[in-house]
């Protein structure tokens, strides 16, 4: 691979062949990695002059001291192994303050040449599979990086090649650096670049959305979702609102049911309940998006609203679950105000039952109505309730916010076990739930997950377009 300038190979070559008059400084890696690297360098080439080193575990307050240390020994070359993008950012910020003639960002090269990590075999490097080898070595750290950025690269490269062909091989620069560097989650940035069809702009009251197979997923994180929900309830001018908590299941149900897709796209928020929603959101350019898991959203809103006079009503679950949940949350969060809990029948409410329920809401006037009916039943219930009673909460001093959180009722009452955090973080909660309820969930996950992967591949590569319609 003579044409490839690979960081670990480049550093190895320089260790063996560097001119003797050059001096070197190494910044980065763990202390163990750095010690072993310097030992290997001395063993391989005793004439290689190292005038200083510093491990990569330092804070902003230490940067000025590090710059002074480097300049004091005045090296010709500073090797920086802080990892991407930290090392590039560090060099860019301090290049004018350093006296060194060359600043080289080589990251992983420190570990490879120190022997603290193994590099991919030559055949995998030649085949362009170094990323896959590294993924097998560090799956928990690198899974998201390679899933998101490799797919982004392939999609954008394919689009550029296609556009170059249409334009007589004229180079087209669409969004890449400028869009990603400038994007900060504000709605003003949403219509820039090649993926504008996968984003939906928003007014100051509505959060921007990421297009996931035609379903608009709110580009938010947990803290932002909690505050947005509370602000929505305290709004004295708007209408009643509902929040859907959406993962692969909800998105795939929406492929088969356009009405459900309308329900999601008309919501106040549709939060990214699963990691695939987060990965696709980041691919669409929403770098700040993070998982907003229904059970976490419930606890966050309850905790933040406790002691503020904001009221909660619980509707859903099996017999007695809503009441048990209400009692538990009041015990966990002193000052939390619950004004009602009820278990609906396992069917749609008839006219009399619905009228009685609305009358109860008007009497209790909760800020938050927590709905635990499972997808897609809970989403349709909230949508149809507001459609049938558009003035619900209009004459209240606040507005009603309904939140469909499904299994949160069972999780927080201990009737279902949640997946470990590491499985949630790595997008494997579906597998844990499948193990817990194989008969009920096997068909859902075997069909939905495989179909989702195929369709999202089509969307990412531009083979098929999915429009956001609300």
Foldseek 3Di string as FASTA:
>chain_A
DVVDDALLVVVVVCLQDPDLVFEEEEEEDDPLLQVLLVVLSCVRHVSHHYPYYYYHPDDPVCVVVVQVVQQVSQGQEYEYAHDPPVLVVVCVVCVVSHNHNYYHYRHVSSCPSSVVDDFDDPVCVVVVNRLVVVCVVPVLVCVLVCVQVVLLVLQVVLVQVVVCVVVVNDGDDFAPPPLLVPDDQALVSQCGGDLSQQKDGDDPLAAIFGHQLQATAGQAELVVLLVSLVVQFQDLPDFAFEEAADELLQSLVCVVPVVSSVLRLPGSHHHHQAVVRVSSRVSSNSVNGDHHHLLSSVLSNQQVCAQVPAEEEEEEDPPPLFVLLVVLSCVVHPRRHYQYYDYDPLDDDDPVRLVVVLVSCVVSVHSEYEYAHDPPVRSVVVVVNCVVVVCRCNPPSTHHYYYYNHCSSCPSSVNDPFDPPSCRSSRNRLVVVCVVPVVVCVVSCVPSVVVSVVVSSCCSNVVDRHGHDD
